[in-house]
């Protein structure tokens, strides 16, 4: 009877070993899959970040250009207000300073 007990213990150990081997194998496969998946997701996020950074730079450039236009328009308005009646508006964009009878 002592022999039967030792065989039973061996079966349990081999069953425990197979469960541990399965869990370890599953862990290795899960780790590999997670690592590959997260690396590819990281690459995708980096590409998106680069495209957004270039779009932000483009928008900042547009804003600076518009601010320069607004500033130049304010300067033109100041000059025209200083000249007062000496300036005649012609077609909305062309300003004639002085006598227009020539």
PDB file of N, CA and C in Angstrom:
ATOM      1  N   UNK A   1       0.801  -1.192   0.000  1.00  0.00           N
ATOM      2  CA  UNK A   1       0.000   0.000   0.000  1.00  0.00           C
ATOM      3  C   UNK A   1       0.848   1.262   0.000  1.00  0.00           C
ATOM      4  N   UNK A   2       1.987   1.162   0.516  1.00  0.00           N
ATOM      5  CA  UNK A   2       2.861   2.330   0.530  1.00  0.00           C
ATOM      6  C   UNK A   2       3.222   2.729  -0.883  1.00  0.00           C
ATOM      7  N   UNK A   3       3.307   1.759  -1.746  1.00  0.00           N
ATOM      8  CA  UNK A   3       3.634   2.064  -3.132  1.00  0.00           C
ATOM      9  C   UNK A   3       2.516   2.852  -3.806  1.00  0.00           C
ATOM     10  N   UNK A   4       1.307   2.536  -3.541  1.00  0.00           N
ATOM     11  CA  UNK A   4       0.186   3.245  -4.152  1.00  0.00           C
ATOM     12  C   UNK A   4       0.169   4.720  -3.752  1.00  0.00           C
ATOM     13  N   UNK A   5       0.507   4.991  -2.518  1.00  0.00           N
ATOM     14  CA  UNK A   5       0.541   6.380  -2.060  1.00  0.00           C
ATOM     15  C   UNK A   5       1.621   7.167  -2.793  1.00  0.00           C
ATOM     16  N   UNK A   6       2.772   6.597  -2.956  1.00  0.00           N
ATOM     17  CA  UNK A   6       3.844   7.317  -3.636  1.00  0.00           C
ATOM     18  C   UNK A   6       3.494   7.552  -5.098  1.00  0.00           C
ATOM     19  N   UNK A   7       2.794   6.649  -5.734  1.00  0.00           N
ATOM     20  CA  UNK A   7       2.366   6.857  -7.114  1.00  0.00           C
ATOM     21  C   UNK A   7       1.341   7.991  -7.186  1.00  0.00           C
ATOM     22  N   UNK A   8       0.476   8.057  -6.220  1.00  0.00           N
ATOM     23  CA  UNK A   8      -0.516   9.126  -6.182  1.00  0.00           C
ATOM     24  C   UNK A   8       0.139  10.476  -6.003  1.00  0.00           C
ATOM     25  N   UNK A   9       1.133  10.542  -5.193  1.00  0.00           N
ATOM     26  CA  UNK A   9       1.847  11.795  -4.969  1.00  0.00           C
ATOM     27  C   UNK A   9       2.574  12.197  -6.247  1.00  0.00           C
ATOM     28  N   UNK A  10       3.154  11.255  -6.946  1.00  0.00           N
ATOM     29  CA  UNK A  10       3.837  11.558  -8.193  1.00  0.00           C
ATOM     30  C   UNK A  10       2.862  12.112  -9.231  1.00  0.00           C
ATOM     31  N   UNK A  11       1.678  11.536  -9.262  1.00  0.00           N
ATOM     32  CA  UNK A  11       0.683  12.037 -10.207  1.00  0.00           C
ATOM     33  C   UNK A  11       0.298  13.473  -9.866  1.00  0.00           C
ATOM     34  N   UNK A  12       0.154  13.768  -8.611  1.00  0.00           N
ATOM     35  CA  UNK A  12      -0.190  15.126  -8.209  1.00  0.00           C
ATOM     36  C   UNK A  12       0.930  16.082  -8.566  1.00  0.00           C
ATOM     37  N   UNK A  13       2.140  15.658  -8.330  1.00  0.00           N
ATOM     38  CA  UNK A  13       3.269  16.521  -8.654  1.00  0.00           C
ATOM     39  C   UNK A  13       3.359  16.746 -10.158  1.00  0.00           C
ATOM     40  N   UNK A  14       3.161  15.712 -10.920  1.00  0.00           N
ATOM     41  CA  UNK A  14       3.231  15.885 -12.367  1.00  0.00           C
ATOM     42  C   UNK A  14       2.047  16.734 -12.855  1.00  0.00           C
ATOM     43  N   UNK A  15       0.899  16.606 -12.201  1.00  0.00           N
ATOM     44  CA  UNK A  15      -0.247  17.453 -12.538  1.00  0.00           C
ATOM     45  C   UNK A  15       0.031  18.897 -12.174  1.00  0.00           C
ATOM     46  N   UNK A  16       0.639  19.116 -11.024  1.00  0.00           N
ATOM     47  CA  UNK A  16       1.008  20.463 -10.607  1.00  0.00           C
ATOM     48  C   UNK A  16       2.076  21.021 -11.534  1.00  0.00           C
ATOM     49  N   UNK A  17       3.000  20.185 -11.933  1.00  0.00           N
ATOM     50  CA  UNK A  17       4.046  20.617 -12.860  1.00  0.00           C
ATOM     51  C   UNK A  17       3.443  21.012 -14.203  1.00  0.00           C
ATOM     52  N   UNK A  18       2.490  20.244 -14.677  1.00  0.00           N
ATOM     53  CA  UNK A  18       1.872  20.574 -15.967  1.00  0.00           C
ATOM     54  C   UNK A  18       1.069  21.874 -15.871  1.00  0.00           C
ATOM     55  N   UNK A  19       0.404  22.092 -14.743  1.00  0.00           N
ATOM     56  CA  UNK A  19      -0.336  23.344 -14.552  1.00  0.00           C
ATOM     57  C   UNK A  19       0.640  24.522 -14.506  1.00  0.00           C
ATOM     58  N   UNK A  20       1.746  24.347 -13.761  1.00  0.00           N
ATOM     59  CA  UNK A  20       2.750  25.424 -13.682  1.00  0.00           C
ATOM     60  C   UNK A  20       3.368  25.686 -15.051  1.00  0.00           C
ATOM     61  N   UNK A  21       3.632  24.635 -15.805  1.00  0.00           N
ATOM     62  CA  UNK A  21       4.198  24.790 -17.142  1.00  0.00           C
ATOM     63  C   UNK A  21       3.212  25.514 -18.050  1.00  0.00           C
ATOM     64  N   UNK A  22       1.947  25.161 -17.953  1.00  0.00           N
ATOM     65  CA  UNK A  22       0.926  25.824 -18.761  1.00  0.00           C
ATOM     66  C   UNK A  22       0.824  27.304 -18.397  1.00  0.00           C
ATOM     67  N   UNK A  23       0.802  27.614 -17.095  1.00  0.00           N
ATOM     68  CA  UNK A  23       0.700  28.999 -16.647  1.00  0.00           C
ATOM     69  C   UNK A  23       1.934  29.785 -17.091  1.00  0.00           C
ATOM     70  N   UNK A  24       3.115  29.199 -16.960  1.00  0.00           N
ATOM     71  CA  UNK A  24       4.331  29.866 -17.386  1.00  0.00           C
ATOM     72  C   UNK A  24       4.323  30.112 -18.897  1.00  0.00           C
ATOM     73  N   UNK A  25       3.930  29.112 -19.660  1.00  0.00           N
ATOM     74  CA  UNK A  25       3.860  29.267 -21.116  1.00  0.00           C
ATOM     75  C   UNK A  25       2.869  30.338 -21.511  1.00  0.00           C
ATOM     76  N   UNK A  26       1.712  30.324 -20.860  1.00  0.00           N
ATOM     77  CA  UNK A  26       0.706  31.349 -21.133  1.00  0.00           C
ATOM     78  C   UNK A  26       1.239  32.735 -20.782  1.00  0.00           C
ATOM     79  N   UNK A  27       1.961  32.840 -19.675  1.00  0.00           N
ATOM     80  CA  UNK A  27       2.529  34.129 -19.263  1.00  0.00           C
ATOM     81  C   UNK A  27       3.547  34.636 -20.282  1.00  0.00           C
ATOM     82  N   UNK A  28       4.380  33.740 -20.792  1.00  0.00           N
ATOM     83  CA  UNK A  28       5.383  34.126 -21.784  1.00  0.00           C
ATOM     84  C   UNK A  28       4.704  34.612 -23.064  1.00  0.00           C
ATOM     85  N   UNK A  29       3.689  33.876 -23.504  1.00  0.00           N
ATOM     86  CA  UNK A  29       2.972  34.270 -24.724  1.00  0.00           C
ATOM     87  C   UNK A  29       2.247  35.597 -24.505  1.00  0.00           C
ATOM     88  N   UNK A  30       1.608  35.758 -23.358  1.00  0.00           N
ATOM     89  CA  UNK A  30       0.904  37.003 -23.050  1.00  0.00           C
ATOM     90  C   UNK A  30       1.879  38.177 -22.987  1.00  0.00           C
ATOM     91  N   UNK A  31       3.033  37.981 -22.358  1.00  0.00           N
ATOM     92  CA  UNK A  31       4.054  39.032 -22.275  1.00  0.00           C
ATOM     93  C   UNK A  31       4.531  39.427 -23.673  1.00  0.00           C
ATOM     94  N   UNK A  32       4.817  38.449 -24.505  1.00  0.00           N
ATOM     95  CA  UNK A  32       5.275  38.740 -25.872  1.00  0.00           C
ATOM     96  C   UNK A  32       4.226  39.486 -26.669  1.00  0.00           C
ATOM     97  N   UNK A  33       2.990  39.049 -26.575  1.00  0.00           N
ATOM     98  CA  UNK A  33       1.905  39.729 -27.296  1.00  0.00           C
ATOM     99  C   UNK A  33       1.685  41.140 -26.793  1.00  0.00           C
ATOM    100  N   UNK A  34       1.721  41.304 -25.476  1.00  0.00           N
ATOM    101  CA  UNK A  34       1.528  42.641 -24.908  1.00  0.00           C
ATOM    102  C   UNK A  34       2.664  43.572 -25.312  1.00  0.00           C
ATOM    103  N   UNK A  35       3.884  43.041 -25.321  1.00  0.00           N
ATOM    104  CA  UNK A  35       5.032  43.875 -25.685  1.00  0.00           C
ATOM    105  C   UNK A  35       4.933  44.320 -27.140  1.00  0.00           C
ATOM    106  N   UNK A  36       4.601  43.414 -28.036  1.00  0.00           N
ATOM    107  CA  UNK A  36       4.474  43.766 -29.457  1.00  0.00           C
ATOM    108  C   UNK A  36       3.308  44.736 -29.664  1.00  0.00           C
ATOM    109  N   UNK A  37       2.185  44.462 -29.014  1.00  0.00           N
ATOM    110  CA  UNK A  37       1.015  45.331 -29.151  1.00  0.00           C
ATOM    111  C   UNK A  37       1.271  46.733 -28.636  1.00  0.00           C
ATOM    112  N   UNK A  38       1.903  46.836 -27.469  1.00  0.00           N
ATOM    113  CA  UNK A  38       2.173  48.157 -26.905  1.00  0.00           C
ATOM    114  C   UNK A  38       3.218  48.912 -27.711  1.00  0.00           C
ATOM    115  N   UNK A  39       4.205  48.217 -28.245  1.00  0.00           N
ATOM    116  CA  UNK A  39       5.194  48.889 -29.091  1.00  0.00           C
ATOM    117  C   UNK A  39       4.552  49.443 -30.363  1.00  0.00           C
ATOM    118  N   UNK A  40       3.674  48.672 -30.984  1.00  0.00           N
ATOM    119  CA  UNK A  40       3.019  49.163 -32.200  1.00  0.00           C
ATOM    120  C   UNK A  40       2.089  50.333 -31.869  1.00  0.00           C
ATOM    121  N   UNK A  41       1.408  50.271 -30.744  1.00  0.00           N
ATOM    122  CA  UNK A  41       0.540  51.375 -30.330  1.00  0.00           C
ATOM    123  C   UNK A  41       1.375  52.621 -30.031  1.00  0.00           C
ATOM    124  N   UNK A  42       2.550  52.433 -29.431  1.00  0.00           N
ATOM    125  CA  UNK A  42       3.444  53.545 -29.141  1.00  0.00           C
ATOM    126  C   UNK A  42       3.909  54.209 -30.433  1.00  0.00           C
ATOM    127  N   UNK A  43       4.223  53.424 -31.447  1.00  0.00           N
ATOM    128  CA  UNK A  43       4.638  53.970 -32.742  1.00  0.00           C
ATOM    129  C   UNK A  43       3.504  54.769 -33.363  1.00  0.00           C
ATOM    130  N   UNK A  44       2.292  54.249 -33.273  1.00  0.00           N
ATOM    131  CA  UNK A  44       1.127  54.951 -33.806  1.00  0.00           C
ATOM    132  C   UNK A  44       0.943  56.298 -33.103  1.00  0.00           C
ATOM    133  N   UNK A  45       1.090  56.294 -31.781  1.00  0.00           N
ATOM    134  CA  UNK A  45       0.940  57.544 -31.027  1.00  0.00           C
ATOM    135  C   UNK A  45       2.046  58.538 -31.363  1.00  0.00           C
ATOM    136  N   UNK A  46       3.259  58.055 -31.596  1.00  0.00           N
ATOM    137  CA  UNK A  46       4.352  58.956 -31.966  1.00  0.00           C
ATOM    138  C   UNK A  46       4.091  59.598 -33.319  1.00  0.00           C
ATOM    139  N   UNK A  47       3.575  58.823 -34.257  1.00  0.00           N
ATOM    140  CA  UNK A  47       3.262  59.388 -35.574  1.00  0.00           C
ATOM    141  C   UNK A  47       2.162  60.439 -35.463  1.00  0.00           C
ATOM    142  N   UNK A  48       1.161  60.158 -34.652  1.00  0.00           N
ATOM    143  CA  UNK A  48       0.074  61.112 -34.456  1.00  0.00           C
ATOM    144  C   UNK A  48       0.599  62.380 -33.774  1.00  0.00           C
ATOM    145  N   UNK A  49       1.500  62.213 -32.817  1.00  0.00           N
ATOM    146  CA  UNK A  49       2.083  63.357 -32.136  1.00  0.00           C
ATOM    147  C   UNK A  49       2.873  64.230 -33.116  1.00  0.00           C
ATOM    148  N   UNK A  50       3.624  63.609 -34.013  1.00  0.00           N
ATOM    149  CA  UNK A  50       4.394  64.358 -34.992  1.00  0.00           C
ATOM    150  C   UNK A  50       3.485  65.122 -35.949  1.00  0.00           C
ATOM    151  N   UNK A  51       2.405  64.479 -36.382  1.00  0.00           N
ATOM    152  CA  UNK A  51       1.490  65.173 -37.289  1.00  0.00           C
ATOM    153  C   UNK A  51       0.797  66.336 -36.582  1.00  0.00           C
ATOM    154  N   UNK A  52       0.428  66.138 -35.315  1.00  0.00           N
ATOM    155  CA  UNK A  52      -0.199  67.234 -34.565  1.00  0.00           C
ATOM    156  C   UNK A  52       0.796  68.359 -34.304  1.00  0.00           C
ATOM    157  N   UNK A  53       2.057  68.014 -34.050  1.00  0.00           N
ATOM    158  CA  UNK A  53       3.065  69.047 -33.817  1.00  0.00           C
ATOM    159  C   UNK A  53       3.284  69.876 -35.082  1.00  0.00           C
ATOM    160  N   UNK A  54       3.304  69.221 -36.241  1.00  0.00           N
ATOM    161  CA  UNK A  54       3.472  69.985 -37.483  1.00  0.00           C
ATOM    162  C   UNK A  54       2.247  70.846 -37.759  1.00  0.00           C
ATOM    163  N   UNK A  55       1.069  70.346 -37.434  1.00  0.00           N
ATOM    164  CA  UNK A  55      -0.155  71.140 -37.626  1.00  0.00           C
ATOM    165  C   UNK A  55      -0.159  72.348 -36.680  1.00  0.00           C
ATOM    166  N   UNK A  56       0.299  72.145 -35.458  1.00  0.00           N
ATOM    167  CA  UNK A  56       0.374  73.252 -34.503  1.00  0.00           C
ATOM    168  C   UNK A  56       1.351  74.308 -34.996  1.00  0.00           C
ATOM    169  N   UNK A  57       2.494  73.866 -35.517  1.00  0.00           N
ATOM    170  CA  UNK A  57       3.484  74.818 -36.045  1.00  0.00           C
ATOM    171  C   UNK A  57       2.909  75.596 -37.220  1.00  0.00           C
ATOM    172  N   UNK A  58       2.160  74.910 -38.087  1.00  0.00           N
ATOM    173  CA  UNK A  58       1.534  75.577 -39.236  1.00  0.00           C
ATOM    174  C   UNK A  58       0.508  76.602 -38.750  1.00  0.00           C
ATOM    175  N   UNK A  59      -0.290  76.234 -37.772  1.00  0.00           N
ATOM    176  CA  UNK A  59      -1.306  77.157 -37.242  1.00  0.00           C
ATOM    177  C   UNK A  59      -0.651  78.361 -36.571  1.00  0.00           C
ATOM    178  N   UNK A  60       0.452  78.137 -35.856  1.00  0.00           N
ATOM    179  CA  UNK A  60       1.152  79.263 -35.224  1.00  0.00           C
ATOM    180  C   UNK A  60       1.677  80.215 -36.283  1.00  0.00           C
ATOM    181  N   UNK A  61       2.184  79.670 -37.375  1.00  0.00           N
ATOM    182  CA  UNK A  61       2.677  80.504 -38.466  1.00  0.00           C
ATOM    183  C   UNK A  61       1.541  81.322 -39.067  1.00  0.00           C
ATOM    184  N   UNK A  62       0.387  80.696 -39.264  1.00  0.00           N
ATOM    185  CA  UNK A  62      -0.774  81.415 -39.794  1.00  0.00           C
ATOM    186  C   UNK A  62      -1.203  82.534 -38.844  1.00  0.00           C
ATOM    187  N   UNK A  63      -1.181  82.240 -37.549  1.00  0.00           N
ATOM    188  CA  UNK A  63      -1.575  83.248 -36.564  1.00  0.00           C
ATOM    189  C   UNK A  63      -0.608  84.419 -36.602  1.00  0.00           C
ATOM    190  N   UNK A  64       0.698  84.140 -36.699  1.00  0.00           N
ATOM    191  CA  UNK A  64       1.675  85.217 -36.764  1.00  0.00           C
ATOM    192  C   UNK A  64       1.472  86.067 -38.018  1.00  0.00           C
ATOM    193  N   UNK A  65       1.181  85.415 -39.149  1.00  0.00           N
ATOM    194  CA  UNK A  65       0.918  86.162 -40.384  1.00  0.00           C
ATOM    195  C   UNK A  65      -0.317  87.051 -40.237  1.00  0.00           C
ATOM    196  N   UNK A  66      -1.363  86.509 -39.644  1.00  0.00           N
ATOM    197  CA  UNK A  66      -2.586  87.297 -39.450  1.00  0.00           C
ATOM    198  C   UNK A  66      -2.350  88.448 -38.478  1.00  0.00           C
ATOM    199  N   UNK A  67      -1.558  88.206 -37.441  1.00  0.00           N
ATOM    200  CA  UNK A  67      -1.254  89.290 -36.507  1.00  0.00           C
ATOM    201  C   UNK A  67      -0.464  90.395 -37.198  1.00  0.00           C
ATOM    202  N   UNK A  68       0.452  90.018 -38.082  1.00  0.00           N
ATOM    203  CA  UNK A  68       1.210  91.019 -38.831  1.00  0.00           C
ATOM    204  C   UNK A  68       0.285  91.820 -39.748  1.00  0.00           C
ATOM    205  N   UNK A  69      -0.683  91.149 -40.384  1.00  0.00           N
ATOM    206  CA  UNK A  69      -1.635  91.851 -41.247  1.00  0.00           C
ATOM    207  C   UNK A  69      -2.482  92.821 -40.433  1.00  0.00           C
ATOM    208  N   UNK A  70      -2.945  92.379 -39.288  1.00  0.00           N
ATOM    209  CA  UNK A  70      -3.763  93.245 -38.433  1.00  0.00           C
ATOM    210  C   UNK A  70      -2.936  94.445 -37.982  1.00  0.00           C
ATOM    211  N   UNK A  71      -1.703  94.194 -37.616  1.00  0.00           N
ATOM    212  CA  UNK A  71      -0.830  95.289 -37.180  1.00  0.00           C
ATOM    213  C   UNK A  71      -0.604  96.303 -38.311  1.00  0.00           C
ATOM    214  N   UNK A  72      -0.386  95.807 -39.530  1.00  0.00           N
ATOM    215  CA  UNK A  72      -0.184  96.722 -40.655  1.00  0.00           C
ATOM    216  C   UNK A  72      -1.461  97.498 -40.962  1.00  0.00           C
ATOM    217  N   UNK A  73      -2.609  96.854 -40.802  1.00  0.00           N
ATOM    218  CA  UNK A  73      -3.874  97.557 -41.025  1.00  0.00           C
ATOM    219  C   UNK A  73      -4.091  98.623 -39.963  1.00  0.00           C
ATOM    220  N   UNK A  74      -3.690  98.348 -38.740  1.00  0.00           N
ATOM    221  CA  UNK A  74      -3.813  99.348 -37.686  1.00  0.00           C
ATOM    222  C   UNK A  74      -2.897 100.535 -37.975  1.00  0.00           C
ATOM    223  N   UNK A  75      -1.681 100.242 -38.473  1.00  0.00           N
ATOM    224  CA  UNK A  75      -0.763 101.324 -38.824  1.00  0.00           C
ATOM    225  C   UNK A  75      -1.334 102.183 -39.954  1.00  0.00           C
ATOM    226  N   UNK A  76      -1.932 101.535 -40.973  1.00  0.00           N
ATOM    227  CA  UNK A  76      -2.521 102.276 -42.094  1.00  0.00           C
ATOM    228  C   UNK A  76      -3.674 103.146 -41.591  1.00  0.00           C
ATOM    229  N   UNK A  77      -4.455 102.608 -40.678  1.00  0.00           N
ATOM    230  CA  UNK A  77      -5.558 103.377 -40.111  1.00  0.00           C
ATOM    231  C   UNK A  77      -5.066 104.586 -39.338  1.00  0.00           C
ATOM    232  N   UNK A  78      -3.966 104.427 -38.597  1.00  0.00           N
ATOM    233  CA  UNK A  78      -3.396 105.554 -37.848  1.00  0.00           C
ATOM    234  C   UNK A  78      -2.901 106.643 -38.795  1.00  0.00           C
ATOM    235  N   UNK A  79      -2.225 106.219 -39.864  1.00  0.00           N
ATOM    236  CA  UNK A  79      -1.706 107.194 -40.833  1.00  0.00           C
ATOM    237  C   UNK A  79      -2.861 107.947 -41.485  1.00  0.00           C
ATOM    238  N   UNK A  80      -3.893 107.211 -41.884  1.00  0.00           N
ATOM    239  CA  UNK A  80      -5.030 107.865 -42.541  1.00  0.00           C
ATOM    240  C   UNK A  80      -5.765 108.795 -41.589  1.00  0.00           C
ATOM    241  N   UNK A  81      -5.858 108.417 -40.323  1.00  0.00           N
ATOM    242  CA  UNK A  81      -6.543 109.297 -39.373  1.00  0.00           C
ATOM    243  C   UNK A  81      -5.713 110.544 -39.090  1.00  0.00           C
ATOM    244  N   UNK A  82      -4.394 110.427 -39.133  1.00  0.00           N
ATOM    245  CA  UNK A  82      -3.539 111.598 -38.915  1.00  0.00           C
ATOM    246  C   UNK A  82      -3.635 112.564 -40.106  1.00  0.00           C
ATOM    247  N   UNK A  83      -3.775 112.036 -41.322  1.00  0.00           N
ATOM    248  CA  UNK A  83      -3.858 112.893 -42.507  1.00  0.00           C
ATOM    249  C   UNK A  83      -5.228 113.552 -42.617  1.00  0.00           C
ATOM    250  N   UNK A  84      -6.224 112.884 -42.059  1.00  0.00           N
ATOM    251  CA  UNK A  84      -7.556 113.472 -41.996  1.00  0.00           C
ATOM    252  C   UNK A  84      -8.167 113.737 -43.350  1.00  0.00           C
ATOM    253  N   UNK A  85      -8.496 115.001 -43.619  1.00  0.00           N
ATOM    254  CA  UNK A  85      -9.220 115.367 -44.830  1.00  0.00           C
ATOM    255  C   UNK A  85      -8.344 115.390 -46.069  1.00  0.00           C
ATOM    256  N   UNK A  86      -7.053 115.304 -45.941  1.00  0.00           N
ATOM    257  CA  UNK A  86      -6.164 115.329 -47.087  1.00  0.00           C
ATOM    258  C   UNK A  86      -6.246 114.038 -47.893  1.00  0.00           C
ATOM    259  N   UNK A  87      -6.862 113.013 -47.345  1.00  0.00           N
ATOM    260  CA  UNK A  87      -6.920 111.710 -48.000  1.00  0.00           C
ATOM    261  C   UNK A  87      -8.325 111.478 -48.533  1.00  0.00           C
ATOM    262  N   UNK A  88      -8.390 111.031 -49.783  1.00  0.00           N
ATOM    263  CA  UNK A  88      -9.680 110.674 -50.378  1.00  0.00           C
ATOM    264  C   UNK A  88      -9.679 109.177 -50.641  1.00  0.00           C
ATOM    265  N   UNK A  89     -10.781 108.532 -50.293  1.00  0.00           N
ATOM    266  CA  UNK A  89     -10.900 107.092 -50.495  1.00  0.00           C
ATOM    267  C   UNK A  89     -11.321 106.828 -51.932  1.00  0.00           C
ATOM    268  N   UNK A  90     -10.557 106.006 -52.641  1.00  0.00           N
ATOM    269  CA  UNK A  90     -10.844 105.687 -54.030  1.00  0.00           C
ATOM    270  C   UNK A  90     -10.899 104.164 -54.164  1.00  0.00           C
ATOM    271  N   UNK A  91     -12.052 103.607 -54.462  1.00  0.00           N
ATOM    272  CA  UNK A  91     -12.284 102.172 -54.668  1.00  0.00           C
ATOM    273  C   UNK A  91     -12.003 101.336 -53.420  1.00  0.00           C
ATOM    274  N   UNK A  92     -12.003 101.924 -52.268  1.00  0.00           N
ATOM    275  CA  UNK A  92     -11.865 101.180 -51.030  1.00  0.00           C
ATOM    276  C   UNK A  92     -10.454 100.724 -50.697  1.00  0.00           C
ATOM    277  N   UNK A  93      -9.556 100.653 -51.641  1.00  0.00           N
ATOM    278  CA  UNK A  93      -8.217 100.147 -51.364  1.00  0.00           C
ATOM    279  C   UNK A  93      -7.116 101.135 -51.738  1.00  0.00           C
ATOM    280  N   UNK A  94      -7.409 102.056 -52.642  1.00  0.00           N
ATOM    281  CA  UNK A  94      -6.396 102.994 -53.125  1.00  0.00           C
ATOM    282  C   UNK A  94      -6.663 104.332 -52.473  1.00  0.00           C
ATOM    283  N   UNK A  95      -5.659 104.882 -51.860  1.00  0.00           N
ATOM    284  CA  UNK A  95      -5.801 106.151 -51.170  1.00  0.00           C
ATOM    285  C   UNK A  95      -4.987 107.212 -51.909  1.00  0.00           C
ATOM    286  N   UNK A  96      -5.627 108.315 -52.187  1.00  0.00           N
ATOM    287  CA  UNK A  96      -4.972 109.407 -52.887  1.00  0.00           C
ATOM    288  C   UNK A  96      -4.749 110.516 -51.882  1.00  0.00           C
ATOM    289  N   UNK A  97      -3.494 110.896 -51.719  1.00  0.00           N
ATOM    290  CA  UNK A  97      -3.151 111.938 -50.748  1.00  0.00           C
ATOM    291  C   UNK A  97      -2.956 113.252 -51.505  1.00  0.00           C
ATOM    292  N   UNK A  98      -3.569 114.262 -50.990  1.00  0.00           N
ATOM    293  CA  UNK A  98      -3.417 115.584 -51.604  1.00  0.00           C
ATOM    294  C   UNK A  98      -4.533 115.855 -52.592  1.00  0.00           C
ATOM    295  N   UNK A  99      -4.247 116.674 -53.609  1.00  0.00           N
ATOM    296  CA  UNK A  99      -5.220 117.135 -54.578  1.00  0.00           C
ATOM    297  C   UNK A  99      -5.410 116.067 -55.656  1.00  0.00           C
ATOM    298  N   UNK A 100      -6.650 115.659 -55.890  1.00  0.00           N
ATOM    299  CA  UNK A 100      -6.927 114.616 -56.894  1.00  0.00           C
ATOM    300  C   UNK A 100      -7.299 115.221 -58.239  1.00  0.00           C
ATOM    301  N   UNK A 101      -7.234 116.519 -58.395  1.00  0.00           N
ATOM    302  CA  UNK A 101      -7.625 117.172 -59.635  1.00  0.00           C
ATOM    303  C   UNK A 101      -6.544 117.157 -60.705  1.00  0.00           C
ATOM    304  N   UNK A 102      -5.391 116.631 -60.475  1.00  0.00           N
ATOM    305  CA  UNK A 102      -4.312 116.677 -61.448  1.00  0.00           C
ATOM    306  C   UNK A 102      -4.435 115.632 -62.504  1.00  0.00           C
TER     307      UNK A 102
END
